[in-house]
Amino acid sequence: MPNNRIRQTLSSAAQNLSGPVAALAAQYGVLPGVWALAIAGGAGLLVTYAQLAEDRGKELLDFIQEHQDEFVDTIVNSPEFITVFVNVWELHIRETAENKRKRLRNFLLSLGSGQHIAQDLHTKIYSVIQQMTDQEAAIFGILFNGSNREQFRSMHINPSGFAGLSNYPDNEIKDAWHSLHAYRLIDVMDDGVVGGIMSLGQITPFGEMFYDRVVDGTI
């Protein structure tokens, strides 16, 4: 049965919504009761972003329903998760890029299923998700999956060591490496030789966590 707390929270908001978005609000009412506080925190965004919420809000709802057995009730009820849900809900509705929305959903599920993500990294994660392009994500995936995880902290590899990078021009690889370095996902070293070859110094602890909790499955 729909949870009364969720239905009561959404009912007043639904009065100000178009038919399709009001229907979306009603769909949120069928989530398990454990989601009541999280939904209450984000209900007003249905009104604020009514036009955008119809498709992108449903996309997030469908994801939550599909994975609801993976979310841990005690975590979903925590103030930390409720704050994350509201932030992800708003960013997800506003985000036009499909893969960025996928990464937001991955982050929400990772946190909600009990995987450790330090609270003071949350804002940084939102920022990297918003800035990272699909090409940068693809190149990061090539670096990550082409390296030995046990050696992530002590590598010295130039781009020619990754076969998957052969599809990208040198200038695009260099730009991507600089961006990934700026996001603190990797450390790079400029060898100072002719051609400005850069070496991968390490995949950072943040980079490893970000790939596992956010990027994996979206490239």
C-alpha atoms as a PDB file:
ATOM      1  CA  MET A   1       0.000   0.000   0.000  1.00  0.00           C
ATOM      2  CA  PRO A   2       1.172   3.543  -0.661  1.00  0.00           C
ATOM      3  CA  ASN A   3       2.763   5.086   2.403  1.00  0.00           C
ATOM      4  CA  ASN A   4       0.541   7.721   4.021  1.00  0.00           C
ATOM      5  CA  ARG A   5       3.449   9.970   4.981  1.00  0.00           C
ATOM      6  CA  ILE A   6       4.682  10.143   1.408  1.00  0.00           C
ATOM      7  CA  ARG A   7       1.185  10.667   0.013  1.00  0.00           C
ATOM      8  CA  GLN A   8       0.456  13.463   2.464  1.00  0.00           C
ATOM      9  CA  THR A   9       3.749  15.168   1.650  1.00  0.00           C
ATOM     10  CA  LEU A  10       3.173  14.983  -2.082  1.00  0.00           C
ATOM     11  CA  SER A  11      -0.534  15.781  -2.168  1.00  0.00           C
ATOM     12  CA  SER A  12      -0.193  19.526  -1.615  1.00  0.00           C
ATOM     13  CA  ALA A  13       2.609  19.778  -4.155  1.00  0.00           C
ATOM     14  CA  ALA A  14       0.585  17.798  -6.695  1.00  0.00           C
ATOM     15  CA  GLN A  15      -2.167  20.415  -6.645  1.00  0.00           C
ATOM     16  CA  ASN A  16       0.213  22.828  -8.403  1.00  0.00           C
ATOM     17  CA  LEU A  17       1.510  20.362 -10.989  1.00  0.00           C
ATOM     18  CA  SER A  18       0.552  19.471 -14.535  1.00  0.00           C
ATOM     19  CA  GLY A  19      -1.214  16.152 -15.019  1.00  0.00           C
ATOM     20  CA  PRO A  20       1.860  14.095 -16.029  1.00  0.00           C
ATOM     21  CA  VAL A  21       4.040  15.455 -13.225  1.00  0.00           C
ATOM     22  CA  ALA A  22       1.244  15.038 -10.678  1.00  0.00           C
ATOM     23  CA  ALA A  23       1.077  11.416 -11.824  1.00  0.00           C
ATOM     24  CA  LEU A  24       4.814  11.163 -11.225  1.00  0.00           C
ATOM     25  CA  ALA A  25       4.320  12.497  -7.697  1.00  0.00           C
ATOM     26  CA  ALA A  26       1.679   9.821  -7.140  1.00  0.00           C
ATOM     27  CA  GLN A  27       4.129   7.167  -8.330  1.00  0.00           C
ATOM     28  CA  TYR A  28       6.575   8.269  -5.654  1.00  0.00           C
ATOM     29  CA  GLY A  29       3.833   7.501  -3.161  1.00  0.00           C
ATOM     30  CA  VAL A  30       4.129   3.778  -3.850  1.00  0.00           C
ATOM     31  CA  LEU A  31       7.743   3.631  -2.668  1.00  0.00           C
ATOM     32  CA  PRO A  32       8.331   1.811   0.623  1.00  0.00           C
ATOM     33  CA  GLY A  33       7.691   3.904   3.718  1.00  0.00           C
ATOM     34  CA  VAL A  34      11.396   4.126   4.453  1.00  0.00           C
ATOM     35  CA  TRP A  35      11.630   6.698   1.639  1.00  0.00           C
ATOM     36  CA  ALA A  36       9.149   9.072   3.292  1.00  0.00           C
ATOM     37  CA  LEU A  37      11.658  11.571   4.678  1.00  0.00           C
ATOM     38  CA  ALA A  38      13.800  11.583   1.529  1.00  0.00           C
ATOM     39  CA  ILE A  39      10.781  12.167  -0.702  1.00  0.00           C
ATOM     40  CA  ALA A  40       9.520  14.871   1.647  1.00  0.00           C
ATOM     41  CA  GLY A  41      12.828  16.688   1.309  1.00  0.00           C
ATOM     42  CA  GLY A  42      12.652  16.739  -2.481  1.00  0.00           C
ATOM     43  CA  ALA A  43       8.920  17.132  -3.063  1.00  0.00           C
ATOM     44  CA  GLY A  44       9.092  20.885  -3.628  1.00  0.00           C
ATOM     45  CA  LEU A  45      11.463  20.378  -6.547  1.00  0.00           C
ATOM     46  CA  LEU A  46       8.621  18.812  -8.497  1.00  0.00           C
ATOM     47  CA  VAL A  47       6.988  22.230  -8.506  1.00  0.00           C
ATOM     48  CA  THR A  48      10.207  24.167  -9.148  1.00  0.00           C
ATOM     49  CA  TYR A  49      11.255  21.985 -12.091  1.00  0.00           C
ATOM     50  CA  ALA A  50       7.839  20.784 -13.211  1.00  0.00           C
ATOM     51  CA  GLN A  51       8.569  20.683 -16.952  1.00  0.00           C
ATOM     52  CA  LEU A  52      11.910  18.915 -16.534  1.00  0.00           C
ATOM     53  CA  ALA A  53      10.680  16.504 -13.882  1.00  0.00           C
ATOM     54  CA  GLU A  54       8.305  14.614 -16.124  1.00  0.00           C
ATOM     55  CA  ASP A  55      10.959  12.586 -17.974  1.00  0.00           C
ATOM     56  CA  ARG A  56      14.068  12.883 -15.824  1.00  0.00           C
ATOM     57  CA  GLY A  57      12.203  12.519 -12.566  1.00  0.00           C
ATOM     58  CA  LYS A  58      10.536   9.348 -13.823  1.00  0.00           C
ATOM     59  CA  GLU A  59      13.932   8.064 -14.921  1.00  0.00           C
ATOM     60  CA  LEU A  60      15.216   8.397 -11.340  1.00  0.00           C
ATOM     61  CA  LEU A  61      12.035   6.922  -9.888  1.00  0.00           C
ATOM     62  CA  ASP A  62      12.260   3.891 -12.177  1.00  0.00           C
ATOM     63  CA  PHE A  63      15.894   3.407 -11.110  1.00  0.00           C
ATOM     64  CA  ILE A  64      14.991   3.538  -7.407  1.00  0.00           C
ATOM     65  CA  GLN A  65      12.147   1.065  -7.901  1.00  0.00           C
ATOM     66  CA  GLU A  66      14.387  -1.278  -9.890  1.00  0.00           C
ATOM     67  CA  HIS A  67      17.085  -1.247  -7.197  1.00  0.00           C
ATOM     68  CA  GLN A  68      14.979  -0.729  -4.073  1.00  0.00           C
ATOM     69  CA  ASP A  69      16.057  -4.077  -2.580  1.00  0.00           C
ATOM     70  CA  GLU A  70      19.697  -2.896  -2.680  1.00  0.00           C
ATOM     71  CA  PHE A  71      19.068   0.211  -0.585  1.00  0.00           C
ATOM     72  CA  VAL A  72      19.561  -0.216   3.168  1.00  0.00           C
ATOM     73  CA  ASP A  73      16.617   1.082   5.190  1.00  0.00           C
ATOM     74  CA  THR A  74      18.702   2.553   8.010  1.00  0.00           C
ATOM     75  CA  ILE A  75      20.841   4.452   5.487  1.00  0.00           C
ATOM     76  CA  VAL A  76      17.854   5.752   3.518  1.00  0.00           C
ATOM     77  CA  ASN A  77      16.463   7.140   6.783  1.00  0.00           C
ATOM     78  CA  SER A  78      19.716   8.907   7.706  1.00  0.00           C
ATOM     79  CA  PRO A  79      20.108  12.707   7.444  1.00  0.00           C
ATOM     80  CA  GLU A  80      23.192  12.224   5.239  1.00  0.00           C
ATOM     81  CA  PHE A  81      21.310  10.151   2.665  1.00  0.00           C
ATOM     82  CA  ILE A  82      18.278  12.449   2.689  1.00  0.00           C
ATOM     83  CA  THR A  83      20.544  15.401   1.890  1.00  0.00           C
ATOM     84  CA  VAL A  84      22.226  13.441  -0.909  1.00  0.00           C
ATOM     85  CA  PHE A  85      18.877  12.360  -2.312  1.00  0.00           C
ATOM     86  CA  VAL A  86      17.617  15.946  -2.520  1.00  0.00           C
ATOM     87  CA  ASN A  87      20.858  17.095  -4.201  1.00  0.00           C
ATOM     88  CA  VAL A  88      20.883  14.186  -6.660  1.00  0.00           C
ATOM     89  CA  TRP A  89      17.161  14.664  -7.357  1.00  0.00           C
ATOM     90  CA  GLU A  90      17.681  18.325  -8.297  1.00  0.00           C
ATOM     91  CA  LEU A  91      20.862  17.736 -10.322  1.00  0.00           C
ATOM     92  CA  HIS A  92      19.269  14.757 -12.074  1.00  0.00           C
ATOM     93  CA  ILE A  93      16.220  16.780 -13.142  1.00  0.00           C
ATOM     94  CA  ARG A  94      18.370  19.622 -14.465  1.00  0.00           C
ATOM     95  CA  GLU A  95      21.027  17.501 -16.196  1.00  0.00           C
ATOM     96  CA  THR A  96      20.645  17.082 -19.967  1.00  0.00           C
ATOM     97  CA  ALA A  97      23.491  14.559 -20.449  1.00  0.00           C
ATOM     98  CA  GLU A  98      22.298  10.967 -20.093  1.00  0.00           C
ATOM     99  CA  ASN A  99      25.590   9.535 -18.824  1.00  0.00           C
ATOM    100  CA  LYS A 100      25.917  12.234 -16.188  1.00  0.00           C
ATOM    101  CA  ARG A 101      22.478  11.286 -14.925  1.00  0.00           C
ATOM    102  CA  LYS A 102      23.605   7.649 -14.835  1.00  0.00           C
ATOM    103  CA  ARG A 103      26.594   8.652 -12.689  1.00  0.00           C
ATOM    104  CA  LEU A 104      24.352  10.568 -10.309  1.00  0.00           C
ATOM    105  CA  ARG A 105      22.176   7.468  -9.949  1.00  0.00           C
ATOM    106  CA  ASN A 106      25.243   5.289  -9.392  1.00  0.00           C
ATOM    107  CA  PHE A 107      26.396   7.614  -6.623  1.00  0.00           C
ATOM    108  CA  LEU A 108      22.974   7.517  -4.962  1.00  0.00           C
ATOM    109  CA  LEU A 109      22.840   3.717  -5.082  1.00  0.00           C
ATOM    110  CA  SER A 110      26.439   3.315  -3.902  1.00  0.00           C
ATOM    111  CA  LEU A 111      25.785   5.447  -0.854  1.00  0.00           C
ATOM    112  CA  GLY A 112      22.345   3.992  -0.201  1.00  0.00           C
ATOM    113  CA  SER A 113      23.564   0.392  -0.421  1.00  0.00           C
ATOM    114  CA  GLY A 114      26.196   0.946   2.245  1.00  0.00           C
ATOM    115  CA  GLN A 115      29.372   1.495   0.252  1.00  0.00           C
ATOM    116  CA  HIS A 116      31.650   3.892   2.087  1.00  0.00           C
ATOM    117  CA  ILE A 117      31.880   7.379   0.580  1.00  0.00           C
ATOM    118  CA  ALA A 118      33.239  10.012   2.949  1.00  0.00           C
ATOM    119  CA  GLN A 119      30.714  12.785   3.526  1.00  0.00           C
ATOM    120  CA  ASP A 120      33.203  15.554   2.812  1.00  0.00           C
ATOM    121  CA  LEU A 121      33.687  14.141  -0.711  1.00  0.00           C
ATOM    122  CA  HIS A 122      30.055  14.503  -1.749  1.00  0.00           C
ATOM    123  CA  THR A 123      30.321  18.062  -3.091  1.00  0.00           C
ATOM    124  CA  LYS A 124      33.513  17.128  -4.928  1.00  0.00           C
ATOM    125  CA  ILE A 125      31.742  14.163  -6.517  1.00  0.00           C
ATOM    126  CA  TYR A 126      28.866  16.340  -7.736  1.00  0.00           C
ATOM    127  CA  SER A 127      31.379  18.781  -9.224  1.00  0.00           C
ATOM    128  CA  VAL A 128      33.339  16.103 -11.106  1.00  0.00           C
ATOM    129  CA  ILE A 129      30.155  14.495 -12.430  1.00  0.00           C
ATOM    130  CA  GLN A 130      29.015  17.844 -13.794  1.00  0.00           C
ATOM    131  CA  GLN A 131      32.363  18.708 -15.382  1.00  0.00           C
ATOM    132  CA  MET A 132      33.530  15.364 -16.779  1.00  0.00           C
ATOM    133  CA  THR A 133      32.781  14.816 -20.465  1.00  0.00           C
ATOM    134  CA  ASP A 134      31.967  11.426 -21.947  1.00  0.00           C
ATOM    135  CA  GLN A 135      35.323  11.418 -23.728  1.00  0.00           C
ATOM    136  CA  GLU A 136      37.165  12.116 -20.486  1.00  0.00           C
ATOM    137  CA  ALA A 137      35.208   9.333 -18.800  1.00  0.00           C
ATOM    138  CA  ALA A 138      36.050   6.923 -21.629  1.00  0.00           C
ATOM    139  CA  ILE A 139      39.761   7.774 -21.446  1.00  0.00           C
ATOM    140  CA  PHE A 140      39.697   7.440 -17.657  1.00  0.00           C
ATOM    141  CA  GLY A 141      38.119   3.990 -18.097  1.00  0.00           C
ATOM    142  CA  ILE A 142      40.910   2.981 -20.498  1.00  0.00           C
ATOM    143  CA  LEU A 143      43.541   4.103 -17.989  1.00  0.00           C
ATOM    144  CA  PHE A 144      41.764   2.440 -15.082  1.00  0.00           C
ATOM    145  CA  ASN A 145      41.043  -0.903 -16.729  1.00  0.00           C
ATOM    146  CA  GLY A 146      44.400  -1.003 -18.508  1.00  0.00           C
ATOM    147  CA  SER A 147      46.320  -0.708 -15.234  1.00  0.00           C
ATOM    148  CA  ASN A 148      47.045  -3.111 -12.420  1.00  0.00           C
ATOM    149  CA  ARG A 149      44.961  -2.010  -9.453  1.00  0.00           C
ATOM    150  CA  GLU A 150      47.700  -3.097  -7.052  1.00  0.00           C
ATOM    151  CA  GLN A 151      50.055  -0.620  -8.727  1.00  0.00           C
ATOM    152  CA  PHE A 152      47.686   2.376  -8.871  1.00  0.00           C
ATOM    153  CA  ARG A 153      49.898   4.371  -6.482  1.00  0.00           C
ATOM    154  CA  SER A 154      53.225   3.733  -8.195  1.00  0.00           C
ATOM    155  CA  MET A 155      52.897   3.910 -11.969  1.00  0.00           C
ATOM    156  CA  HIS A 156      54.907   5.707 -14.615  1.00  0.00           C
ATOM    157  CA  ILE A 157      53.240   4.961 -17.934  1.00  0.00           C
ATOM    158  CA  ASN A 158      53.025   7.093 -21.068  1.00  0.00           C
ATOM    159  CA  PRO A 159      49.943   7.098 -23.333  1.00  0.00           C
ATOM    160  CA  SER A 160      51.472   4.625 -25.789  1.00  0.00           C
ATOM    161  CA  GLY A 161      51.102   1.946 -23.106  1.00  0.00           C
ATOM    162  CA  PHE A 162      47.309   1.880 -23.505  1.00  0.00           C
ATOM    163  CA  ALA A 163      46.084   0.311 -26.737  1.00  0.00           C
ATOM    164  CA  GLY A 164      42.596   1.782 -26.340  1.00  0.00           C
ATOM    165  CA  LEU A 165      43.949   5.316 -26.590  1.00  0.00           C
ATOM    166  CA  SER A 166      45.008   4.820 -30.204  1.00  0.00           C
ATOM    167  CA  ASN A 167      41.550   5.988 -31.291  1.00  0.00           C
ATOM    168  CA  TYR A 168      42.174   9.475 -29.918  1.00  0.00           C
ATOM    169  CA  PRO A 169      44.455  12.222 -31.319  1.00  0.00           C
ATOM    170  CA  ASP A 170      47.425  13.094 -29.090  1.00  0.00           C
ATOM    171  CA  ASN A 171      46.095  16.571 -28.306  1.00  0.00           C
ATOM    172  CA  GLU A 172      42.763  15.168 -27.111  1.00  0.00           C
ATOM    173  CA  ILE A 173      44.507  12.622 -24.908  1.00  0.00           C
ATOM    174  CA  LYS A 174      46.691  15.322 -23.415  1.00  0.00           C
ATOM    175  CA  ASP A 175      43.682  17.560 -22.753  1.00  0.00           C
ATOM    176  CA  ALA A 176      41.812  14.671 -21.122  1.00  0.00           C
ATOM    177  CA  TRP A 177      44.778  13.757 -18.921  1.00  0.00           C
ATOM    178  CA  HIS A 178      45.026  17.368 -17.765  1.00  0.00           C
ATOM    179  CA  SER A 179      41.298  17.407 -16.958  1.00  0.00           C
ATOM    180  CA  LEU A 180      41.454  14.101 -15.087  1.00  0.00           C
ATOM    181  CA  HIS A 181      44.423  15.475 -13.154  1.00  0.00           C
ATOM    182  CA  ALA A 182      42.479  18.650 -12.320  1.00  0.00           C
ATOM    183  CA  TYR A 183      39.631  16.465 -10.999  1.00  0.00           C
ATOM    184  CA  ARG A 184      42.268  14.670  -8.834  1.00  0.00           C
ATOM    185  CA  LEU A 185      41.392  11.327 -10.411  1.00  0.00           C
ATOM    186  CA  ILE A 186      44.949  10.814 -11.663  1.00  0.00           C
ATOM    187  CA  ASP A 187      48.402  12.319 -11.219  1.00  0.00           C
ATOM    188  CA  VAL A 188      50.396  13.044 -14.369  1.00  0.00           C
ATOM    189  CA  MET A 189      54.036  13.889 -14.925  1.00  0.00           C
ATOM    190  CA  ASP A 190      55.378  15.897 -17.863  1.00  0.00           C
ATOM    191  CA  ASP A 191      58.636  14.250 -18.902  1.00  0.00           C
ATOM    192  CA  GLY A 192      59.853  17.460 -20.484  1.00  0.00           C
ATOM    193  CA  VAL A 193      60.933  15.719 -23.661  1.00  0.00           C
ATOM    194  CA  VAL A 194      60.251  16.712 -27.268  1.00  0.00           C
ATOM    195  CA  GLY A 195      56.547  16.298 -27.890  1.00  0.00           C
ATOM    196  CA  GLY A 196      55.613  16.876 -24.265  1.00  0.00           C
ATOM    197  CA  ILE A 197      54.902  13.211 -23.474  1.00  0.00           C
ATOM    198  CA  MET A 198      53.055  12.846 -20.157  1.00  0.00           C
ATOM    199  CA  SER A 199      53.277   9.845 -17.886  1.00  0.00           C
ATOM    200  CA  LEU A 200      50.593   8.526 -15.580  1.00  0.00           C
ATOM    201  CA  GLY A 201      52.005   8.796 -12.079  1.00  0.00           C
ATOM    202  CA  GLN A 202      49.090   7.210 -10.227  1.00  0.00           C
ATOM    203  CA  ILE A 203      45.372   6.700 -10.135  1.00  0.00           C
ATOM    204  CA  THR A 204      44.553   8.510  -6.919  1.00  0.00           C
ATOM    205  CA  PRO A 205      42.538   7.015  -4.036  1.00  0.00           C
ATOM    206  CA  PHE A 206      39.737   9.443  -4.969  1.00  0.00           C
ATOM    207  CA  GLY A 207      40.006   8.306  -8.598  1.00  0.00           C
ATOM    208  CA  GLU A 208      39.700   4.650  -7.610  1.00  0.00           C
ATOM    209  CA  MET A 209      36.675   5.355  -5.427  1.00  0.00           C
ATOM    210  CA  PHE A 210      35.084   7.579  -8.084  1.00  0.00           C
ATOM    211  CA  TYR A 211      35.435   4.941 -10.782  1.00  0.00           C
ATOM    212  CA  ASP A 212      34.070   2.143  -8.591  1.00  0.00           C
ATOM    213  CA  ARG A 213      31.199   4.106  -7.030  1.00  0.00           C
ATOM    214  CA  VAL A 214      30.240   6.502  -9.836  1.00  0.00           C
ATOM    215  CA  VAL A 215      31.689   5.809 -13.302  1.00  0.00           C
ATOM    216  CA  ASP A 216      31.664   2.019 -13.628  1.00  0.00           C
ATOM    217  CA  GLY A 217      28.943   0.885 -16.028  1.00  0.00           C
ATOM    218  CA  THR A 218      28.395   4.312 -17.611  1.00  0.00           C
ATOM    219  CA  ILE A 219      31.070   4.161 -20.338  1.00  0.00           C
END
